[in-house]
Amino acid sequence: MIQIKQTKEFQVWFASLTTREQVKLEARLERIKNFEHFGDAKGIGGGLAELRWANGWRVYFVRERDYYFVVNRGT
């Protein structure tokens, strides 16, 4: 099982989303945690990678030891 930690900036952005948007994002993070299935994701260099959505969302993350850190978001 993958462990995911979220930055404060990500948590603030997440709280600003609608309930429907939060559910979509939570489902994606749960698939990563439970099944190690990242879906549409791409490494962008320097250890940084992004999760991508068709609506243009980007959520950036890095891996450090046994944890993945959701570090930022972009819309």
PDB file of N, CA and C in Angstrom:
ATOM      1  N   MET A   1       0.850  -1.188   0.000  1.00  0.00           N
ATOM      2  CA  MET A   1       0.000   0.000   0.000  1.00  0.00           C
ATOM      3  C   MET A   1       0.890   1.244   0.000  1.00  0.00           C
ATOM      4  N   ILE A   2       0.548   2.178  -0.811  1.00  0.00           N
ATOM      5  CA  ILE A   2       1.277   3.443  -0.905  1.00  0.00           C
ATOM      6  C   ILE A   2       0.722   4.422   0.118  1.00  0.00           C
ATOM      7  N   GLN A   3       1.606   5.171   0.745  1.00  0.00           N
ATOM      8  CA  GLN A   3       1.188   6.216   1.673  1.00  0.00           C
ATOM      9  C   GLN A   3       1.344   7.568   0.979  1.00  0.00           C
ATOM     10  N   ILE A   4       0.330   8.393   1.104  1.00  0.00           N
ATOM     11  CA  ILE A   4       0.330   9.714   0.470  1.00  0.00           C
ATOM     12  C   ILE A   4       0.218  10.775   1.552  1.00  0.00           C
ATOM     13  N   LYS A   5       1.086  11.744   1.474  1.00  0.00           N
ATOM     14  CA  LYS A   5       1.022  12.897   2.382  1.00  0.00           C
ATOM     15  C   LYS A   5       0.713  14.126   1.543  1.00  0.00           C
ATOM     16  N   GLN A   6      -0.072  15.028   2.097  1.00  0.00           N
ATOM     17  CA  GLN A   6      -0.496  16.218   1.366  1.00  0.00           C
ATOM     18  C   GLN A   6       0.097  17.477   1.990  1.00  0.00           C
ATOM     19  N   THR A   7       0.504  18.400   1.118  1.00  0.00           N
ATOM     20  CA  THR A   7       0.990  19.683   1.618  1.00  0.00           C
ATOM     21  C   THR A   7      -0.202  20.538   2.037  1.00  0.00           C
ATOM     22  N   LYS A   8       0.084  21.543   2.834  1.00  0.00           N
ATOM     23  CA  LYS A   8      -0.955  22.481   3.273  1.00  0.00           C
ATOM     24  C   LYS A   8      -1.601  23.169   2.062  1.00  0.00           C
ATOM     25  N   GLU A   9      -0.786  23.577   1.094  1.00  0.00           N
ATOM     26  CA  GLU A   9      -1.313  24.246  -0.096  1.00  0.00           C
ATOM     27  C   GLU A   9      -2.314  23.346  -0.827  1.00  0.00           C
ATOM     28  N   PHE A  10      -1.979  22.066  -0.947  1.00  0.00           N
ATOM     29  CA  PHE A  10      -2.893  21.133  -1.595  1.00  0.00           C
ATOM     30  C   PHE A  10      -4.191  21.020  -0.804  1.00  0.00           C
ATOM     31  N   GLN A  11      -4.093  20.921   0.510  1.00  0.00           N
ATOM     32  CA  GLN A  11      -5.287  20.789   1.345  1.00  0.00           C
ATOM     33  C   GLN A  11      -6.210  21.995   1.218  1.00  0.00           C
ATOM     34  N   VAL A  12      -5.638  23.187   1.126  1.00  0.00           N
ATOM     35  CA  VAL A  12      -6.436  24.403   0.964  1.00  0.00           C
ATOM     36  C   VAL A  12      -7.152  24.373  -0.386  1.00  0.00           C
ATOM     37  N   TRP A  13      -6.415  24.013  -1.439  1.00  0.00           N
ATOM     38  CA  TRP A  13      -7.026  23.923  -2.766  1.00  0.00           C
ATOM     39  C   TRP A  13      -8.126  22.870  -2.770  1.00  0.00           C
ATOM     40  N   PHE A  14      -7.854  21.705  -2.185  1.00  0.00           N
ATOM     41  CA  PHE A  14      -8.833  20.624  -2.139  1.00  0.00           C
ATOM     42  C   PHE A  14     -10.121  21.085  -1.455  1.00  0.00           C
ATOM     43  N   ALA A  15     -10.004  21.804  -0.354  1.00  0.00           N
ATOM     44  CA  ALA A  15     -11.170  22.296   0.384  1.00  0.00           C
ATOM     45  C   ALA A  15     -11.991  23.283  -0.446  1.00  0.00           C
ATOM     46  N   SER A  16     -11.357  23.936  -1.419  1.00  0.00           N
ATOM     47  CA  SER A  16     -12.067  24.914  -2.246  1.00  0.00           C
ATOM     48  C   SER A  16     -12.865  24.262  -3.381  1.00  0.00           C
ATOM     49  N   LEU A  17     -12.673  22.971  -3.596  1.00  0.00           N
ATOM     50  CA  LEU A  17     -13.364  22.271  -4.673  1.00  0.00           C
ATOM     51  C   LEU A  17     -14.800  21.950  -4.281  1.00  0.00           C
ATOM     52  N   THR A  18     -15.622  21.711  -5.281  1.00  0.00           N
ATOM     53  CA  THR A  18     -16.988  21.265  -5.008  1.00  0.00           C
ATOM     54  C   THR A  18     -16.931  19.838  -4.472  1.00  0.00           C
ATOM     55  N   THR A  19     -18.002  19.397  -3.868  1.00  0.00           N
ATOM     56  CA  THR A  19     -18.055  18.033  -3.338  1.00  0.00           C
ATOM     57  C   THR A  19     -17.818  17.022  -4.451  1.00  0.00           C
ATOM     58  N   ARG A  20     -18.410  17.245  -5.600  1.00  0.00           N
ATOM     59  CA  ARG A  20     -18.243  16.325  -6.736  1.00  0.00           C
ATOM     60  C   ARG A  20     -16.776  16.253  -7.167  1.00  0.00           C
ATOM     61  N   GLU A  21     -16.114  17.394  -7.235  1.00  0.00           N
ATOM     62  CA  GLU A  21     -14.701  17.424  -7.608  1.00  0.00           C
ATOM     63  C   GLU A  21     -13.839  16.727  -6.560  1.00  0.00           C
ATOM     64  N   GLN A  22     -14.161  16.939  -5.292  1.00  0.00           N
ATOM     65  CA  GLN A  22     -13.415  16.285  -4.221  1.00  0.00           C
ATOM     66  C   GLN A  22     -13.542  14.765  -4.316  1.00  0.00           C
ATOM     67  N   VAL A  23     -14.741  14.289  -4.623  1.00  0.00           N
ATOM     68  CA  VAL A  23     -14.972  12.844  -4.733  1.00  0.00           C
ATOM     69  C   VAL A  23     -14.123  12.263  -5.867  1.00  0.00           C
ATOM     70  N   LYS A  24     -14.062  12.957  -7.003  1.00  0.00           N
ATOM     71  CA  LYS A  24     -13.244  12.486  -8.130  1.00  0.00           C
ATOM     72  C   LYS A  24     -11.772  12.397  -7.738  1.00  0.00           C
ATOM     73  N   LEU A  25     -11.297  13.423  -7.089  1.00  0.00           N
ATOM     74  CA  LEU A  25      -9.887  13.459  -6.712  1.00  0.00           C
ATOM     75  C   LEU A  25      -9.583  12.412  -5.642  1.00  0.00           C
ATOM     76  N   GLU A  26     -10.457  12.288  -4.667  1.00  0.00           N
ATOM     77  CA  GLU A  26     -10.281  11.276  -3.613  1.00  0.00           C
ATOM     78  C   GLU A  26     -10.241   9.873  -4.210  1.00  0.00           C
ATOM     79  N   ALA A  27     -11.117   9.608  -5.180  1.00  0.00           N
ATOM     80  CA  ALA A  27     -11.150   8.290  -5.806  1.00  0.00           C
ATOM     81  C   ALA A  27      -9.820   7.985  -6.479  1.00  0.00           C
ATOM     82  N   ARG A  28      -9.258   8.981  -7.144  1.00  0.00           N
ATOM     83  CA  ARG A  28      -7.967   8.794  -7.816  1.00  0.00           C
ATOM     84  C   ARG A  28      -6.865   8.516  -6.795  1.00  0.00           C
ATOM     85  N   LEU A  29      -6.839   9.277  -5.724  1.00  0.00           N
ATOM     86  CA  LEU A  29      -5.822   9.066  -4.696  1.00  0.00           C
ATOM     87  C   LEU A  29      -5.987   7.701  -4.027  1.00  0.00           C
ATOM     88  N   GLU A  30      -7.215   7.260  -3.844  1.00  0.00           N
ATOM     89  CA  GLU A  30      -7.463   5.937  -3.250  1.00  0.00           C
ATOM     90  C   GLU A  30      -6.978   4.824  -4.174  1.00  0.00           C
ATOM     91  N   ARG A  31      -7.173   4.975  -5.500  1.00  0.00           N
ATOM     92  CA  ARG A  31      -6.662   3.969  -6.439  1.00  0.00           C
ATOM     93  C   ARG A  31      -5.139   3.898  -6.372  1.00  0.00           C
ATOM     94  N   ILE A  32      -4.513   5.042  -6.190  1.00  0.00           N
ATOM     95  CA  ILE A  32      -3.049   5.054  -6.056  1.00  0.00           C
ATOM     96  C   ILE A  32      -2.646   4.343  -4.771  1.00  0.00           C
ATOM     97  N   LYS A  33      -3.287   4.699  -3.672  1.00  0.00           N
ATOM     98  CA  LYS A  33      -2.936   4.102  -2.372  1.00  0.00           C
ATOM     99  C   LYS A  33      -3.142   2.592  -2.361  1.00  0.00           C
ATOM    100  N   ASN A  34      -4.295   2.152  -2.834  1.00  0.00           N
ATOM    101  CA  ASN A  34      -4.683   0.756  -2.686  1.00  0.00           C
ATOM    102  C   ASN A  34      -4.181  -0.168  -3.788  1.00  0.00           C
ATOM    103  N   PHE A  35      -4.066   0.356  -5.009  1.00  0.00           N
ATOM    104  CA  PHE A  35      -3.740  -0.507  -6.140  1.00  0.00           C
ATOM    105  C   PHE A  35      -2.485  -0.067  -6.903  1.00  0.00           C
ATOM    106  N   GLU A  36      -1.852   1.008  -6.446  1.00  0.00           N
ATOM    107  CA  GLU A  36      -0.681   1.561  -7.117  1.00  0.00           C
ATOM    108  C   GLU A  36      -0.970   1.863  -8.582  1.00  0.00           C
ATOM    109  N   HIS A  37      -2.203   2.252  -8.842  1.00  0.00           N
ATOM    110  CA  HIS A  37      -2.627   2.607 -10.205  1.00  0.00           C
ATOM    111  C   HIS A  37      -2.720   4.127 -10.293  1.00  0.00           C
ATOM    112  N   PHE A  38      -1.796   4.726 -11.036  1.00  0.00           N
ATOM    113  CA  PHE A  38      -1.721   6.179 -11.116  1.00  0.00           C
ATOM    114  C   PHE A  38      -2.585   6.761 -12.223  1.00  0.00           C
ATOM    115  N   GLY A  39      -3.002   5.941 -13.165  1.00  0.00           N
ATOM    116  CA  GLY A  39      -3.787   6.468 -14.272  1.00  0.00           C
ATOM    117  C   GLY A  39      -2.906   7.343 -15.158  1.00  0.00           C
ATOM    118  N   ASP A  40      -3.463   8.427 -15.664  1.00  0.00           N
ATOM    119  CA  ASP A  40      -2.726   9.326 -16.553  1.00  0.00           C
ATOM    120  C   ASP A  40      -1.743  10.144 -15.717  1.00  0.00           C
ATOM    121  N   ALA A  41      -0.506   9.718 -15.715  1.00  0.00           N
ATOM    122  CA  ALA A  41       0.539  10.389 -14.942  1.00  0.00           C
ATOM    123  C   ALA A  41       1.791  10.460 -15.798  1.00  0.00           C
ATOM    124  N   LYS A  42       2.588  11.488 -15.557  1.00  0.00           N
ATOM    125  CA  LYS A  42       3.783  11.684 -16.368  1.00  0.00           C
ATOM    126  C   LYS A  42       4.892  12.296 -15.522  1.00  0.00           C
ATOM    127  N   GLY A  43       6.085  11.732 -15.640  1.00  0.00           N
ATOM    128  CA  GLY A  43       7.252  12.326 -14.995  1.00  0.00           C
ATOM    129  C   GLY A  43       7.645  13.590 -15.747  1.00  0.00           C
ATOM    130  N   ILE A  44       7.966  14.641 -15.005  1.00  0.00           N
ATOM    131  CA  ILE A  44       8.317  15.896 -15.668  1.00  0.00           C
ATOM    132  C   ILE A  44       9.729  16.355 -15.324  1.00  0.00           C
ATOM    133  N   GLY A  45      10.487  15.504 -14.639  1.00  0.00           N
ATOM    134  CA  GLY A  45      11.888  15.798 -14.368  1.00  0.00           C
ATOM    135  C   GLY A  45      12.168  16.147 -12.921  1.00  0.00           C
ATOM    136  N   GLY A  46      13.386  15.898 -12.529  1.00  0.00           N
ATOM    137  CA  GLY A  46      13.825  16.228 -11.177  1.00  0.00           C
ATOM    138  C   GLY A  46      13.079  15.488 -10.088  1.00  0.00           C
ATOM    139  N   GLY A  47      12.538  14.309 -10.402  1.00  0.00           N
ATOM    140  CA  GLY A  47      11.782  13.544  -9.419  1.00  0.00           C
ATOM    141  C   GLY A  47      10.332  13.976  -9.279  1.00  0.00           C
ATOM    142  N   LEU A  48       9.940  15.005 -10.019  1.00  0.00           N
ATOM    143  CA  LEU A  48       8.573  15.523  -9.964  1.00  0.00           C
ATOM    144  C   LEU A  48       7.737  14.866 -11.061  1.00  0.00           C
ATOM    145  N   ALA A  49       6.508  14.541 -10.722  1.00  0.00           N
ATOM    146  CA  ALA A  49       5.581  13.947 -11.684  1.00  0.00           C
ATOM    147  C   ALA A  49       4.218  14.602 -11.509  1.00  0.00           C
ATOM    148  N   GLU A  50       3.362  14.416 -12.504  1.00  0.00           N
ATOM    149  CA  GLU A  50       2.033  15.008 -12.423  1.00  0.00           C
ATOM    150  C   GLU A  50       0.959  13.981 -12.724  1.00  0.00           C
ATOM    151  N   LEU A  51      -0.131  14.090 -11.981  1.00  0.00           N
ATOM    152  CA  LEU A  51      -1.351  13.365 -12.295  1.00  0.00           C
ATOM    153  C   LEU A  51      -2.153  14.290 -13.190  1.00  0.00           C
ATOM    154  N   ARG A  52      -2.720  13.756 -14.277  1.00  0.00           N
ATOM    155  CA  ARG A  52      -3.422  14.610 -15.233  1.00  0.00           C
ATOM    156  C   ARG A  52      -4.872  14.170 -15.378  1.00  0.00           C
ATOM    157  N   TRP A  53      -5.735  15.158 -15.509  1.00  0.00           N
ATOM    158  CA  TRP A  53      -7.149  14.932 -15.758  1.00  0.00           C
ATOM    159  C   TRP A  53      -7.531  15.569 -17.087  1.00  0.00           C
ATOM    160  N   ALA A  54      -8.573  15.040 -17.718  1.00  0.00           N
ATOM    161  CA  ALA A  54      -9.033  15.568 -19.004  1.00  0.00           C
ATOM    162  C   ALA A  54      -9.516  17.010 -18.895  1.00  0.00           C
ATOM    163  N   ASN A  55      -9.973  17.426 -17.721  1.00  0.00           N
ATOM    164  CA  ASN A  55     -10.481  18.793 -17.552  1.00  0.00           C
ATOM    165  C   ASN A  55      -9.368  19.817 -17.353  1.00  0.00           C
ATOM    166  N   GLY A  56      -8.110  19.365 -17.410  1.00  0.00           N
ATOM    167  CA  GLY A  56      -6.986  20.279 -17.284  1.00  0.00           C
ATOM    168  C   GLY A  56      -6.333  20.314 -15.912  1.00  0.00           C
ATOM    169  N   TRP A  57      -6.931  19.668 -14.937  1.00  0.00           N
ATOM    170  CA  TRP A  57      -6.303  19.623 -13.619  1.00  0.00           C
ATOM    171  C   TRP A  57      -4.945  18.962 -13.714  1.00  0.00           C
ATOM    172  N   ARG A  58      -4.033  19.437 -12.899  1.00  0.00           N
ATOM    173  CA  ARG A  58      -2.733  18.809 -12.718  1.00  0.00           C
ATOM    174  C   ARG A  58      -2.455  18.797 -11.222  1.00  0.00           C
ATOM    175  N   VAL A  59      -2.064  17.655 -10.715  1.00  0.00           N
ATOM    176  CA  VAL A  59      -1.656  17.533  -9.325  1.00  0.00           C
ATOM    177  C   VAL A  59      -0.240  16.972  -9.346  1.00  0.00           C
ATOM    178  N   TYR A  60       0.673  17.687  -8.738  1.00  0.00           N
ATOM    179  CA  TYR A  60       2.088  17.339  -8.785  1.00  0.00           C
ATOM    180  C   TYR A  60       2.493  16.578  -7.534  1.00  0.00           C
ATOM    181  N   PHE A  61       3.385  15.613  -7.726  1.00  0.00           N
ATOM    182  CA  PHE A  61       3.819  14.813  -6.588  1.00  0.00           C
ATOM    183  C   PHE A  61       5.270  14.376  -6.756  1.00  0.00           C
ATOM    184  N   VAL A  62       5.862  14.043  -5.646  1.00  0.00           N
ATOM    185  CA  VAL A  62       7.217  13.494  -5.617  1.00  0.00           C
ATOM    186  C   VAL A  62       7.208  12.236  -4.757  1.00  0.00           C
ATOM    187  N   ARG A  63       8.153  11.366  -5.016  1.00  0.00           N
ATOM    188  CA  ARG A  63       8.295  10.170  -4.187  1.00  0.00           C
ATOM    189  C   ARG A  63       9.539  10.325  -3.335  1.00  0.00           C
ATOM    190  N   GLU A  64       9.383  10.014  -2.075  1.00  0.00           N
ATOM    191  CA  GLU A  64      10.508  10.067  -1.154  1.00  0.00           C
ATOM    192  C   GLU A  64      10.413   8.854  -0.239  1.00  0.00           C
ATOM    193  N   ARG A  65      11.320   7.932  -0.411  1.00  0.00           N
ATOM    194  CA  ARG A  65      11.324   6.662   0.316  1.00  0.00           C
ATOM    195  C   ARG A  65      10.020   5.921   0.094  1.00  0.00           C
ATOM    196  N   ASP A  66       9.276   5.653   1.160  1.00  0.00           N
ATOM    197  CA  ASP A  66       8.040   4.880   1.047  1.00  0.00           C
ATOM    198  C   ASP A  66       6.799   5.747   0.917  1.00  0.00           C
ATOM    199  N   TYR A  67       6.973   7.045   0.726  1.00  0.00           N
ATOM    200  CA  TYR A  67       5.842   7.957   0.689  1.00  0.00           C
ATOM    201  C   TYR A  67       5.772   8.693  -0.638  1.00  0.00           C
ATOM    202  N   TYR A  68       4.569   9.024  -1.027  1.00  0.00           N
ATOM    203  CA  TYR A  68       4.356   9.955  -2.126  1.00  0.00           C
ATOM    204  C   TYR A  68       3.808  11.226  -1.504  1.00  0.00           C
ATOM    205  N   PHE A  69       4.354  12.335  -1.875  1.00  0.00           N
ATOM    206  CA  PHE A  69       3.919  13.623  -1.360  1.00  0.00           C
ATOM    207  C   PHE A  69       3.191  14.386  -2.452  1.00  0.00           C
ATOM    208  N   VAL A  70       1.942  14.686  -2.224  1.00  0.00           N
ATOM    209  CA  VAL A  70       1.207  15.558  -3.135  1.00  0.00           C
ATOM    210  C   VAL A  70       1.636  16.956  -2.779  1.00  0.00           C
ATOM    211  N   VAL A  71       2.364  17.592  -3.673  1.00  0.00           N
ATOM    212  CA  VAL A  71       3.025  18.831  -3.314  1.00  0.00           C
ATOM    213  C   VAL A  71       2.325  20.074  -3.825  1.00  0.00           C
ATOM    214  N   ASN A  72       1.561  19.939  -4.871  1.00  0.00           N
ATOM    215  CA  ASN A  72       0.985  21.150  -5.451  1.00  0.00           C
ATOM    216  C   ASN A  72      -0.164  20.772  -6.360  1.00  0.00           C
ATOM    217  N   ARG A  73      -0.840  21.764  -6.798  1.00  0.00           N
ATOM    218  CA  ARG A  73      -1.917  21.546  -7.760  1.00  0.00           C
ATOM    219  C   ARG A  73      -1.839  22.645  -8.804  1.00  0.00           C
ATOM    220  N   GLY A  74      -2.419  22.367  -9.918  1.00  0.00           N
ATOM    221  CA  GLY A  74      -2.505  23.355 -10.980  1.00  0.00           C
ATOM    222  C   GLY A  74      -3.794  23.129 -11.735  1.00  0.00           C
ATOM    223  N   THR A  75      -4.444  24.195 -12.099  1.00  0.00           N
ATOM    224  CA  THR A  75      -5.708  24.041 -12.821  1.00  0.00           C
ATOM    225  C   THR A  75      -5.652  24.759 -14.129  1.00  0.00           C
TER     226      THR A  75
END
